[in-house]
Amino acid sequence: MKPFRRSAVAVALVLAAGVAGAQPFPAKAVRIIVPFPPGGGLDIVARLMGPKLTETYRQQIVVENRAGAAGVIGTEVAAHAAPDGYTWLLATMGNLAVNRHLYAKMSVDPARDLAPVTEVVAVHFVMVAHPSLPAKDVKSLIALAKARPGQITYSSSGAGGAPHLAGALFNDMAKVTLMHVPYKGSGPSFVDLLGGQVSLTFDSMLQSLPYIKAGRLKALAVLGATRAAQLPDVPTVAESGLPGYELTNWFGLVLPAGTSRELVARVHADVSRVLQMSDMRQRLVDMGADVINSSPQEFAAFLAAESAKWARVIKEANIRAE
């Protein structure tokens, strides 16, 4: 090739690279990492958001389930991804505020390695049991658990997740011993609950409500401070004999640390538009989740407060990750 032709080709390649680098976000598919298997509440919310964001971006939104170690594996994958806006993590209270206080060694510190975008939803939790469990409410469950210490099992999404914490707090406050059976996500947890291999669980209404309505599970109590509009006849744990008991989970969106402020703001704005869509909000409310849609700054402050709160609770209740 003649020298001037080689130079022309080189210049063309440089210009092409410059144009590609200047492409506005997003120029390719975006992945949302869900650190649990398909079928749980977090996965449900991600897959509701996905099609709406695909319409907005005209790029594919890929929900990628990276389960394991109570969400730690998926969290690590997201934290180690390039801070270019193409890897998001939709995570729970456990992943972002609890696990660091349960596990002696973690390669990821959410406060250091992840950039807050928004608290997406607050999720109502409910205590649900297999119909074969001879307890119809919290008082009868406590009586049964005291008569059968260590024999009544409760499933969870994994050690350190909100269902595990809810059960541990219940044991601590009710002075009973429900046996914890951890799974790799709420989806597998519910498979065995529906099959009667475990007796009950403490999990999101997103996951539980369809089975309650179908009569396949029975609701013993809701875990929040007030009754849920979706289950108005089901009392709270607090009003059922354990005053002060309360747990509400939440799901939040984060990006890898080092993502530019401009890109964080862009992702927040786009997700905010989706969460403000009337059909999206109504769908989430109907399933037992309240849209929060906080700013990155508000979410950062919330994460710090939640981390401090759960550090205290875990220490006082002596909760351990099995």
C-alpha atoms as a PDB file:
ATOM      1  CA  MET A   1       0.000   0.000   0.000  1.00  0.00           C
ATOM      2  CA  LYS A   2       1.341   3.436  -0.904  1.00  0.00           C
ATOM      3  CA  PRO A   3       2.360   5.720   1.990  1.00  0.00           C
ATOM      4  CA  PHE A   4      -0.340   8.335   1.371  1.00  0.00           C
ATOM      5  CA  ARG A   5      -3.010   5.602   1.187  1.00  0.00           C
ATOM      6  CA  ARG A   6      -1.823   4.074   4.467  1.00  0.00           C
ATOM      7  CA  SER A   7      -2.012   7.521   6.071  1.00  0.00           C
ATOM      8  CA  ALA A   8      -5.533   8.059   4.742  1.00  0.00           C
ATOM      9  CA  VAL A   9      -6.650   4.717   6.170  1.00  0.00           C
ATOM     10  CA  ALA A  10      -5.070   5.537   9.547  1.00  0.00           C
ATOM     11  CA  VAL A  11      -6.797   8.919   9.662  1.00  0.00           C
ATOM     12  CA  ALA A  12     -10.119   7.316   8.763  1.00  0.00           C
ATOM     13  CA  LEU A  13      -9.747   4.770  11.558  1.00  0.00           C
ATOM     14  CA  VAL A  14      -8.946   7.470  14.114  1.00  0.00           C
ATOM     15  CA  LEU A  15     -11.939   9.532  13.015  1.00  0.00           C
ATOM     16  CA  ALA A  16     -14.190   6.480  13.151  1.00  0.00           C
ATOM     17  CA  ALA A  17     -13.004   5.682  16.671  1.00  0.00           C
ATOM     18  CA  GLY A  18     -13.670   9.275  17.697  1.00  0.00           C
ATOM     19  CA  VAL A  19     -17.199   9.141  16.332  1.00  0.00           C
ATOM     20  CA  ALA A  20     -17.871   5.811  18.074  1.00  0.00           C
ATOM     21  CA  GLY A  21     -16.534   7.171  21.341  1.00  0.00           C
ATOM     22  CA  ALA A  22     -18.750  10.226  21.036  1.00  0.00           C
ATOM     23  CA  GLN A  23     -21.941   8.195  20.602  1.00  0.00           C
ATOM     24  CA  PRO A  24     -24.575   9.279  23.118  1.00  0.00           C
ATOM     25  CA  PHE A  25     -25.564   6.895  25.902  1.00  0.00           C
ATOM     26  CA  PRO A  26     -26.838   4.288  25.413  1.00  0.00           C
ATOM     27  CA  ALA A  27     -25.171   3.024  22.251  1.00  0.00           C
ATOM     28  CA  LYS A  28     -25.631  -0.673  23.099  1.00  0.00           C
ATOM     29  CA  ALA A  29     -27.595  -3.021  25.363  1.00  0.00           C
ATOM     30  CA  VAL A  30     -27.766  -2.297  29.100  1.00  0.00           C
ATOM     31  CA  ARG A  31     -27.748  -5.137  31.612  1.00  0.00           C
ATOM     32  CA  ILE A  32     -29.533  -5.044  34.954  1.00  0.00           C
ATOM     33  CA  ILE A  33     -27.932  -7.515  37.334  1.00  0.00           C
ATOM     34  CA  VAL A  34     -30.361  -9.161  39.765  1.00  0.00           C
ATOM     35  CA  PRO A  35     -28.283 -11.001  42.405  1.00  0.00           C
ATOM     36  CA  PHE A  36     -30.896 -13.732  42.928  1.00  0.00           C
ATOM     37  CA  PRO A  37     -32.545 -16.437  40.776  1.00  0.00           C
ATOM     38  CA  PRO A  38     -35.599 -15.665  38.626  1.00  0.00           C
ATOM     39  CA  GLY A  39     -39.003 -15.537  40.265  1.00  0.00           C
ATOM     40  CA  GLY A  40     -38.355 -13.445  43.370  1.00  0.00           C
ATOM     41  CA  GLY A  41     -39.676  -9.960  44.089  1.00  0.00           C
ATOM     42  CA  LEU A  42     -36.483  -8.233  42.928  1.00  0.00           C
ATOM     43  CA  ASP A  43     -36.571 -10.125  39.647  1.00  0.00           C
ATOM     44  CA  ILE A  44     -40.245  -9.211  39.154  1.00  0.00           C
ATOM     45  CA  VAL A  45     -39.504  -5.485  39.530  1.00  0.00           C
ATOM     46  CA  ALA A  46     -36.495  -5.658  37.179  1.00  0.00           C
ATOM     47  CA  ARG A  47     -38.561  -7.393  34.502  1.00  0.00           C
ATOM     48  CA  LEU A  48     -41.332  -4.812  34.849  1.00  0.00           C
ATOM     49  CA  MET A  49     -38.823  -1.990  34.352  1.00  0.00           C
ATOM     50  CA  GLY A  50     -36.989  -3.661  31.484  1.00  0.00           C
ATOM     51  CA  PRO A  51     -39.534  -3.245  28.645  1.00  0.00           C
ATOM     52  CA  LYS A  52     -40.260   0.372  29.631  1.00  0.00           C
ATOM     53  CA  LEU A  53     -36.558   1.231  29.554  1.00  0.00           C
ATOM     54  CA  THR A  54     -36.137  -0.609  26.258  1.00  0.00           C
ATOM     55  CA  GLU A  55     -38.787   1.678  24.768  1.00  0.00           C
ATOM     56  CA  THR A  56     -37.010   4.731  26.185  1.00  0.00           C
ATOM     57  CA  TYR A  57     -33.513   3.768  25.061  1.00  0.00           C
ATOM     58  CA  ARG A  58     -34.341   1.878  21.877  1.00  0.00           C
ATOM     59  CA  GLN A  59     -31.694  -0.507  23.119  1.00  0.00           C
ATOM     60  CA  GLN A  60     -32.194  -3.911  24.713  1.00  0.00           C
ATOM     61  CA  ILE A  61     -32.384  -4.068  28.502  1.00  0.00           C
ATOM     62  CA  VAL A  62     -31.088  -7.464  29.604  1.00  0.00           C
ATOM     63  CA  VAL A  63     -32.010  -8.740  33.071  1.00  0.00           C
ATOM     64  CA  GLU A  64     -29.138 -10.961  34.193  1.00  0.00           C
ATOM     65  CA  ASN A  65     -29.668 -13.201  37.229  1.00  0.00           C
ATOM     66  CA  ARG A  66     -26.341 -13.724  39.034  1.00  0.00           C
ATOM     67  CA  ALA A  67     -27.351 -15.656  42.129  1.00  0.00           C
ATOM     68  CA  GLY A  68     -25.275 -16.978  45.002  1.00  0.00           C
ATOM     69  CA  ALA A  69     -24.097 -16.251  48.542  1.00  0.00           C
ATOM     70  CA  ALA A  70     -27.230 -14.282  49.525  1.00  0.00           C
ATOM     71  CA  GLY A  71     -26.696 -11.813  46.695  1.00  0.00           C
ATOM     72  CA  VAL A  72     -22.988 -11.274  47.315  1.00  0.00           C
ATOM     73  CA  ILE A  73     -21.888 -12.773  43.971  1.00  0.00           C
ATOM     74  CA  GLY A  74     -24.127 -10.550  41.843  1.00  0.00           C
ATOM     75  CA  THR A  75     -23.137  -7.513  43.894  1.00  0.00           C
ATOM     76  CA  GLU A  76     -19.465  -8.274  43.279  1.00  0.00           C
ATOM     77  CA  VAL A  77     -20.032  -8.667  39.532  1.00  0.00           C
ATOM     78  CA  ALA A  78     -21.683  -5.243  39.375  1.00  0.00           C
ATOM     79  CA  ALA A  79     -19.072  -3.554  41.561  1.00  0.00           C
ATOM     80  CA  HIS A  80     -16.240  -4.840  39.362  1.00  0.00           C
ATOM     81  CA  ALA A  81     -17.908  -3.854  36.075  1.00  0.00           C
ATOM     82  CA  ALA A  82     -16.734  -0.890  34.002  1.00  0.00           C
ATOM     83  CA  PRO A  83     -18.267   2.412  35.237  1.00  0.00           C
ATOM     84  CA  ASP A  84     -19.677   3.188  31.794  1.00  0.00           C
ATOM     85  CA  GLY A  85     -23.415   3.040  32.537  1.00  0.00           C
ATOM     86  CA  TYR A  86     -23.981  -0.305  30.835  1.00  0.00           C
ATOM     87  CA  THR A  87     -24.089  -2.411  34.026  1.00  0.00           C
ATOM     88  CA  TRP A  88     -26.727  -1.688  36.673  1.00  0.00           C
ATOM     89  CA  LEU A  89     -27.432  -3.518  39.913  1.00  0.00           C
ATOM     90  CA  LEU A  90     -30.962  -3.774  41.274  1.00  0.00           C
ATOM     91  CA  ALA A  91     -30.456  -4.923  44.844  1.00  0.00           C
ATOM     92  CA  THR A  92     -32.148  -5.378  48.191  1.00  0.00           C
ATOM     93  CA  MET A  93     -31.705  -4.017  51.667  1.00  0.00           C
ATOM     94  CA  GLY A  94     -29.662  -7.139  52.418  1.00  0.00           C
ATOM     95  CA  ASN A  95     -27.205  -6.601  49.566  1.00  0.00           C
ATOM     96  CA  LEU A  96     -26.656  -2.891  50.140  1.00  0.00           C
ATOM     97  CA  ALA A  97     -27.020  -2.368  53.903  1.00  0.00           C
ATOM     98  CA  VAL A  98     -26.928  -5.695  55.755  1.00  0.00           C
ATOM     99  CA  ASN A  99     -24.445  -8.222  54.354  1.00  0.00           C
ATOM    100  CA  ARG A 100     -21.374  -6.194  55.284  1.00  0.00           C
ATOM    101  CA  HIS A 101     -22.400  -6.564  58.944  1.00  0.00           C
ATOM    102  CA  LEU A 102     -23.089 -10.315  58.690  1.00  0.00           C
ATOM    103  CA  TYR A 103     -20.060 -11.580  56.793  1.00  0.00           C
ATOM    104  CA  ALA A 104     -16.572 -11.362  58.261  1.00  0.00           C
ATOM    105  CA  LYS A 105     -14.956 -11.080  54.835  1.00  0.00           C
ATOM    106  CA  MET A 106     -16.471  -9.381  51.812  1.00  0.00           C
ATOM    107  CA  SER A 107     -14.599  -8.186  48.754  1.00  0.00           C
ATOM    108  CA  VAL A 108     -17.184  -5.453  48.133  1.00  0.00           C
ATOM    109  CA  ASP A 109     -18.142  -2.569  50.391  1.00  0.00           C
ATOM    110  CA  PRO A 110     -21.333  -1.013  48.940  1.00  0.00           C
ATOM    111  CA  ALA A 111     -20.466   2.389  50.429  1.00  0.00           C
ATOM    112  CA  ARG A 112     -17.113   2.357  48.656  1.00  0.00           C
ATOM    113  CA  ASP A 113     -17.681   0.294  45.521  1.00  0.00           C
ATOM    114  CA  LEU A 114     -21.158   1.280  44.334  1.00  0.00           C
ATOM    115  CA  ALA A 115     -22.733   4.575  43.279  1.00  0.00           C
ATOM    116  CA  PRO A 116     -26.312   5.168  44.542  1.00  0.00           C
ATOM    117  CA  VAL A 117     -28.927   6.040  41.907  1.00  0.00           C
ATOM    118  CA  THR A 118     -32.330   5.670  43.572  1.00  0.00           C
ATOM    119  CA  GLU A 119     -34.391   3.734  46.073  1.00  0.00           C
ATOM    120  CA  VAL A 120     -36.845   2.198  43.625  1.00  0.00           C
ATOM    121  CA  VAL A 121     -39.567   0.753  45.876  1.00  0.00           C
ATOM    122  CA  ALA A 122     -40.417  -0.006  49.478  1.00  0.00           C
ATOM    123  CA  VAL A 123     -41.754  -3.547  49.652  1.00  0.00           C
ATOM    124  CA  HIS A 124     -44.445  -4.774  52.028  1.00  0.00           C
ATOM    125  CA  PHE A 125     -43.563  -8.053  53.705  1.00  0.00           C
ATOM    126  CA  VAL A 126     -45.963 -10.725  54.907  1.00  0.00           C
ATOM    127  CA  MET A 127     -45.679 -13.865  57.022  1.00  0.00           C
ATOM    128  CA  VAL A 128     -47.118 -16.693  54.922  1.00  0.00           C
ATOM    129  CA  ALA A 129     -47.549 -20.342  55.809  1.00  0.00           C
ATOM    130  CA  HIS A 130     -48.338 -23.581  54.058  1.00  0.00           C
ATOM    131  CA  PRO A 131     -51.993 -24.545  54.665  1.00  0.00           C
ATOM    132  CA  SER A 132     -50.842 -27.651  56.568  1.00  0.00           C
ATOM    133  CA  LEU A 133     -49.317 -25.574  59.379  1.00  0.00           C
ATOM    134  CA  PRO A 134     -51.753 -25.727  62.325  1.00  0.00           C
ATOM    135  CA  ALA A 135     -51.513 -22.020  63.120  1.00  0.00           C
ATOM    136  CA  LYS A 136     -53.885 -19.341  61.897  1.00  0.00           C
ATOM    137  CA  ASP A 137     -52.237 -16.238  63.375  1.00  0.00           C
ATOM    138  CA  VAL A 138     -49.160 -15.002  65.221  1.00  0.00           C
ATOM    139  CA  LYS A 139     -50.397 -15.970  68.691  1.00  0.00           C
ATOM    140  CA  SER A 140     -51.138 -19.550  67.684  1.00  0.00           C
ATOM    141  CA  LEU A 141     -47.807 -19.748  65.825  1.00  0.00           C
ATOM    142  CA  ILE A 142     -45.912 -18.655  68.932  1.00  0.00           C
ATOM    143  CA  ALA A 143     -47.783 -21.214  71.046  1.00  0.00           C
ATOM    144  CA  LEU A 144     -47.041 -23.947  68.514  1.00  0.00           C
ATOM    145  CA  ALA A 145     -43.373 -22.960  68.255  1.00  0.00           C
ATOM    146  CA  LYS A 146     -42.983 -23.094  72.031  1.00  0.00           C
ATOM    147  CA  ALA A 147     -44.580 -26.530  72.088  1.00  0.00           C
ATOM    148  CA  ARG A 148     -42.336 -27.711  69.214  1.00  0.00           C
ATOM    149  CA  PRO A 149     -39.010 -25.879  69.625  1.00  0.00           C
ATOM    150  CA  GLY A 150     -36.815 -26.169  66.543  1.00  0.00           C
ATOM    151  CA  GLN A 151     -39.377 -28.237  64.632  1.00  0.00           C
ATOM    152  CA  ILE A 152     -41.141 -25.481  62.660  1.00  0.00           C
ATOM    153  CA  THR A 153     -39.121 -24.401  59.644  1.00  0.00           C
ATOM    154  CA  TYR A 154     -39.045 -21.108  57.781  1.00  0.00           C
ATOM    155  CA  SER A 155     -37.440 -20.600  54.397  1.00  0.00           C
ATOM    156  CA  SER A 156     -35.543 -17.548  53.207  1.00  0.00           C
ATOM    157  CA  SER A 157     -33.791 -16.142  50.148  1.00  0.00           C
ATOM    158  CA  GLY A 158     -30.461 -16.788  51.876  1.00  0.00           C
ATOM    159  CA  ALA A 159     -28.498 -15.910  54.980  1.00  0.00           C
ATOM    160  CA  GLY A 160     -28.620 -12.190  55.630  1.00  0.00           C
ATOM    161  CA  GLY A 161     -31.541 -11.445  53.331  1.00  0.00           C
ATOM    162  CA  ALA A 162     -34.635  -9.652  54.588  1.00  0.00           C
ATOM    163  CA  PRO A 163     -36.620 -12.919  55.048  1.00  0.00           C
ATOM    164  CA  HIS A 164     -33.825 -14.297  57.225  1.00  0.00           C
ATOM    165  CA  LEU A 165     -33.639 -11.101  59.268  1.00  0.00           C
ATOM    166  CA  ALA A 166     -37.419 -11.052  59.669  1.00  0.00           C
ATOM    167  CA  GLY A 167     -37.409 -14.596  61.012  1.00  0.00           C
ATOM    168  CA  ALA A 168     -34.432 -13.960  63.287  1.00  0.00           C
ATOM    169  CA  LEU A 169     -36.112 -10.883  64.746  1.00  0.00           C
ATOM    170  CA  PHE A 170     -39.324 -12.852  65.234  1.00  0.00           C
ATOM    171  CA  ASN A 171     -37.414 -15.580  67.090  1.00  0.00           C
ATOM    172  CA  ASP A 172     -35.681 -12.980  69.237  1.00  0.00           C
ATOM    173  CA  MET A 173     -38.806 -11.005  70.142  1.00  0.00           C
ATOM    174  CA  ALA A 174     -41.181 -13.979  70.537  1.00  0.00           C
ATOM    175  CA  LYS A 175     -38.610 -16.079  72.411  1.00  0.00           C
ATOM    176  CA  VAL A 176     -39.124 -19.046  70.106  1.00  0.00           C
ATOM    177  CA  THR A 177     -36.932 -21.142  67.815  1.00  0.00           C
ATOM    178  CA  LEU A 178     -38.176 -21.354  64.253  1.00  0.00           C
ATOM    179  CA  MET A 179     -35.607 -23.303  62.218  1.00  0.00           C
ATOM    180  CA  HIS A 180     -34.064 -21.270  59.385  1.00  0.00           C
ATOM    181  CA  VAL A 181     -33.722 -22.997  55.987  1.00  0.00           C
ATOM    182  CA  PRO A 182     -31.820 -20.734  53.557  1.00  0.00           C
ATOM    183  CA  TYR A 183     -32.209 -20.994  49.784  1.00  0.00           C
ATOM    184  CA  LYS A 184     -30.485 -19.290  46.855  1.00  0.00           C
ATOM    185  CA  GLY A 185     -33.256 -16.750  46.355  1.00  0.00           C
ATOM    186  CA  SER A 186     -36.947 -16.297  47.071  1.00  0.00           C
ATOM    187  CA  GLY A 187     -37.977 -18.225  43.954  1.00  0.00           C
ATOM    188  CA  PRO A 188     -36.513 -21.553  45.154  1.00  0.00           C
ATOM    189  CA  SER A 189     -37.651 -20.752  48.696  1.00  0.00           C
ATOM    190  CA  PHE A 190     -41.263 -20.548  47.566  1.00  0.00           C
ATOM    191  CA  VAL A 191     -41.040 -23.778  45.571  1.00  0.00           C
ATOM    192  CA  ASP A 192     -40.425 -25.760  48.756  1.00  0.00           C
ATOM    193  CA  LEU A 193     -42.902 -23.695  50.771  1.00  0.00           C
ATOM    194  CA  LEU A 194     -45.649 -24.400  48.242  1.00  0.00           C
ATOM    195  CA  GLY A 195     -44.693 -28.072  48.319  1.00  0.00           C
ATOM    196  CA  GLY A 196     -44.882 -28.200  52.111  1.00  0.00           C
ATOM    197  CA  GLN A 197     -41.199 -29.026  52.626  1.00  0.00           C
ATOM    198  CA  VAL A 198     -40.979 -25.952  54.875  1.00  0.00           C
ATOM    199  CA  SER A 199     -43.754 -24.472  57.015  1.00  0.00           C
ATOM    200  CA  LEU A 200     -43.610 -20.719  56.450  1.00  0.00           C
ATOM    201  CA  THR A 201     -41.609 -17.741  55.301  1.00  0.00           C
ATOM    202  CA  PHE A 202     -41.361 -13.989  55.776  1.00  0.00           C
ATOM    203  CA  ASP A 203     -41.184 -12.490  52.292  1.00  0.00           C
ATOM    204  CA  SER A 204     -42.404  -9.773  49.961  1.00  0.00           C
ATOM    205  CA  MET A 205     -46.011  -9.308  48.993  1.00  0.00           C
ATOM    206  CA  LEU A 206     -44.733  -9.115  45.408  1.00  0.00           C
ATOM    207  CA  GLN A 207     -43.906 -12.789  45.713  1.00  0.00           C
ATOM    208  CA  SER A 208     -46.626 -13.913  48.132  1.00  0.00           C
ATOM    209  CA  LEU A 209     -49.838 -12.181  47.077  1.00  0.00           C
ATOM    210  CA  PRO A 210     -50.738 -14.370  44.063  1.00  0.00           C
ATOM    211  CA  TYR A 211     -50.459 -17.519  46.205  1.00  0.00           C
ATOM    212  CA  ILE A 212     -52.471 -15.990  49.037  1.00  0.00           C
ATOM    213  CA  LYS A 213     -55.246 -15.006  46.640  1.00  0.00           C
ATOM    214  CA  ALA A 214     -55.203 -18.477  45.089  1.00  0.00           C
ATOM    215  CA  GLY A 215     -55.490 -20.122  48.521  1.00  0.00           C
ATOM    216  CA  ARG A 216     -52.186 -21.937  48.165  1.00  0.00           C
ATOM    217  CA  LEU A 217     -50.662 -20.079  51.128  1.00  0.00           C
ATOM    218  CA  LYS A 218     -52.229 -18.433  54.156  1.00  0.00           C
ATOM    219  CA  ALA A 219     -51.245 -15.002  55.448  1.00  0.00           C
ATOM    220  CA  LEU A 220     -50.663 -14.923  59.202  1.00  0.00           C
ATOM    221  CA  ALA A 221     -49.581 -11.282  59.506  1.00  0.00           C
ATOM    222  CA  VAL A 222     -48.007  -8.361  57.649  1.00  0.00           C
ATOM    223  CA  LEU A 223     -44.653  -7.154  58.887  1.00  0.00           C
ATOM    224  CA  GLY A 224     -44.973  -3.386  58.464  1.00  0.00           C
ATOM    225  CA  ALA A 225     -46.104  -0.770  60.963  1.00  0.00           C
ATOM    226  CA  THR A 226     -49.597  -0.632  59.467  1.00  0.00           C
ATOM    227  CA  ARG A 227     -51.905  -3.026  57.650  1.00  0.00           C
ATOM    228  CA  ALA A 228     -51.476  -3.345  53.897  1.00  0.00           C
ATOM    229  CA  ALA A 229     -54.181  -2.099  51.559  1.00  0.00           C
ATOM    230  CA  GLN A 230     -53.838  -5.301  49.541  1.00  0.00           C
ATOM    231  CA  LEU A 231     -54.623  -7.445  52.628  1.00  0.00           C
ATOM    232  CA  PRO A 232     -56.814  -5.208  54.825  1.00  0.00           C
ATOM    233  CA  ASP A 233     -58.055  -8.081  56.999  1.00  0.00           C
ATOM    234  CA  VAL A 234     -54.594  -9.362  57.856  1.00  0.00           C
ATOM    235  CA  PRO A 235     -53.215  -7.805  61.069  1.00  0.00           C
ATOM    236  CA  THR A 236     -49.659  -6.637  61.635  1.00  0.00           C
ATOM    237  CA  VAL A 237     -47.251  -8.700  63.724  1.00  0.00           C
ATOM    238  CA  ALA A 238     -47.129  -5.803  66.192  1.00  0.00           C
ATOM    239  CA  GLU A 239     -50.875  -5.778  66.801  1.00  0.00           C
ATOM    240  CA  SER A 240     -50.875  -9.582  67.032  1.00  0.00           C
ATOM    241  CA  GLY A 241     -48.837  -9.762  70.204  1.00  0.00           C
ATOM    242  CA  LEU A 242     -45.332  -8.492  69.392  1.00  0.00           C
ATOM    243  CA  PRO A 243     -45.455  -4.706  69.816  1.00  0.00           C
ATOM    244  CA  GLY A 244     -42.496  -2.974  68.198  1.00  0.00           C
ATOM    245  CA  TYR A 245     -41.952  -5.643  65.555  1.00  0.00           C
ATOM    246  CA  GLU A 246     -41.600  -4.054  62.111  1.00  0.00           C
ATOM    247  CA  LEU A 247     -39.786  -4.832  58.886  1.00  0.00           C
ATOM    248  CA  THR A 248     -40.185  -3.285  55.455  1.00  0.00           C
ATOM    249  CA  ASN A 249     -37.752  -4.259  52.733  1.00  0.00           C
ATOM    250  CA  TRP A 250     -36.651  -2.009  49.879  1.00  0.00           C
ATOM    251  CA  PHE A 251     -35.051  -2.368  46.473  1.00  0.00           C
ATOM    252  CA  GLY A 252     -32.489   0.100  45.180  1.00  0.00           C
ATOM    253  CA  LEU A 253     -30.579   0.796  41.986  1.00  0.00           C
ATOM    254  CA  VAL A 254     -26.817   1.357  42.007  1.00  0.00           C
ATOM    255  CA  LEU A 255     -23.993   1.608  39.471  1.00  0.00           C
ATOM    256  CA  PRO A 256     -20.285   0.790  39.788  1.00  0.00           C
ATOM    257  CA  ALA A 257     -18.311   3.357  41.754  1.00  0.00           C
ATOM    258  CA  GLY A 258     -16.483   5.747  39.478  1.00  0.00           C
ATOM    259  CA  THR A 259     -19.469   6.276  37.203  1.00  0.00           C
ATOM    260  CA  SER A 260     -19.579   9.967  36.321  1.00  0.00           C
ATOM    261  CA  ARG A 261     -22.098  12.228  38.019  1.00  0.00           C
ATOM    262  CA  GLU A 262     -23.542  13.084  34.626  1.00  0.00           C
ATOM    263  CA  LEU A 263     -24.161   9.431  33.824  1.00  0.00           C
ATOM    264  CA  VAL A 264     -25.650   8.741  37.280  1.00  0.00           C
ATOM    265  CA  ALA A 265     -27.968  11.714  36.756  1.00  0.00           C
ATOM    266  CA  ARG A 266     -28.939  10.445  33.294  1.00  0.00           C
ATOM    267  CA  VAL A 267     -29.771   6.938  34.543  1.00  0.00           C
ATOM    268  CA  HIS A 268     -31.715   8.401  37.462  1.00  0.00           C
ATOM    269  CA  ALA A 269     -33.751  10.622  35.160  1.00  0.00           C
ATOM    270  CA  ASP A 270     -34.582   7.735  32.841  1.00  0.00           C
ATOM    271  CA  VAL A 271     -35.559   5.360  35.633  1.00  0.00           C
ATOM    272  CA  SER A 272     -37.552   8.133  37.289  1.00  0.00           C
ATOM    273  CA  ARG A 273     -39.617   8.604  34.149  1.00  0.00           C
ATOM    274  CA  VAL A 274     -40.413   4.896  34.080  1.00  0.00           C
ATOM    275  CA  LEU A 275     -41.377   4.809  37.758  1.00  0.00           C
ATOM    276  CA  GLN A 276     -43.667   7.817  37.288  1.00  0.00           C
ATOM    277  CA  MET A 277     -45.665   6.121  34.540  1.00  0.00           C
ATOM    278  CA  SER A 278     -49.184   5.610  35.872  1.00  0.00           C
ATOM    279  CA  ASP A 279     -49.485   2.007  34.699  1.00  0.00           C
ATOM    280  CA  MET A 280     -46.108   1.125  36.200  1.00  0.00           C
ATOM    281  CA  ARG A 281     -46.932   2.712  39.571  1.00  0.00           C
ATOM    282  CA  GLN A 282     -50.329   1.032  39.720  1.00  0.00           C
ATOM    283  CA  ARG A 283     -48.901  -2.354  38.849  1.00  0.00           C
ATOM    284  CA  LEU A 284     -46.347  -2.094  41.635  1.00  0.00           C
ATOM    285  CA  VAL A 285     -48.905  -0.868  44.175  1.00  0.00           C
ATOM    286  CA  ASP A 286     -51.269  -3.707  43.279  1.00  0.00           C
ATOM    287  CA  MET A 287     -48.473  -6.184  43.942  1.00  0.00           C
ATOM    288  CA  GLY A 288     -47.535  -4.699  47.325  1.00  0.00           C
ATOM    289  CA  ALA A 289     -44.749  -2.215  46.597  1.00  0.00           C
ATOM    290  CA  ASP A 290     -44.699   1.574  47.023  1.00  0.00           C
ATOM    291  CA  VAL A 291     -42.700   3.597  44.494  1.00  0.00           C
ATOM    292  CA  ILE A 292     -40.069   5.774  46.244  1.00  0.00           C
ATOM    293  CA  ASN A 293     -37.933   7.188  43.409  1.00  0.00           C
ATOM    294  CA  SER A 294     -35.477   9.115  45.587  1.00  0.00           C
ATOM    295  CA  SER A 295     -32.624  11.248  44.250  1.00  0.00           C
ATOM    296  CA  PRO A 296     -29.039   9.883  44.261  1.00  0.00           C
ATOM    297  CA  GLN A 297     -28.202  12.159  47.180  1.00  0.00           C
ATOM    298  CA  GLU A 298     -31.276  11.080  49.160  1.00  0.00           C
ATOM    299  CA  PHE A 299     -30.536   7.436  48.465  1.00  0.00           C
ATOM    300  CA  ALA A 300     -26.910   7.807  49.585  1.00  0.00           C
ATOM    301  CA  ALA A 301     -28.057   9.274  52.922  1.00  0.00           C
ATOM    302  CA  PHE A 302     -30.700   6.548  53.266  1.00  0.00           C
ATOM    303  CA  LEU A 303     -28.111   3.814  52.635  1.00  0.00           C
ATOM    304  CA  ALA A 304     -25.838   5.201  55.353  1.00  0.00           C
ATOM    305  CA  ALA A 305     -28.726   5.327  57.840  1.00  0.00           C
ATOM    306  CA  GLU A 306     -29.932   1.806  56.960  1.00  0.00           C
ATOM    307  CA  SER A 307     -26.431   0.381  57.295  1.00  0.00           C
ATOM    308  CA  ALA A 308     -26.056   1.904  60.762  1.00  0.00           C
ATOM    309  CA  LYS A 309     -29.508   0.680  61.827  1.00  0.00           C
ATOM    310  CA  TRP A 310     -28.972  -2.910  60.738  1.00  0.00           C
ATOM    311  CA  ALA A 311     -25.479  -3.043  62.208  1.00  0.00           C
ATOM    312  CA  ARG A 312     -27.089  -2.250  65.563  1.00  0.00           C
ATOM    313  CA  VAL A 313     -29.978  -4.712  65.123  1.00  0.00           C
ATOM    314  CA  ILE A 314     -27.674  -7.551  64.023  1.00  0.00           C
ATOM    315  CA  LYS A 315     -25.399  -7.017  67.001  1.00  0.00           C
ATOM    316  CA  GLU A 316     -28.233  -6.804  69.532  1.00  0.00           C
ATOM    317  CA  ALA A 317     -30.085  -9.840  68.147  1.00  0.00           C
ATOM    318  CA  ASN A 318     -26.805 -11.756  67.640  1.00  0.00           C
ATOM    319  CA  ILE A 319     -27.776 -12.665  64.056  1.00  0.00           C
ATOM    320  CA  ARG A 320     -25.202 -14.661  62.119  1.00  0.00           C
ATOM    321  CA  ALA A 321     -24.843 -15.704  58.507  1.00  0.00           C
ATOM    322  CA  GLU A 322     -24.819 -19.501  58.491  1.00  0.00           C
END
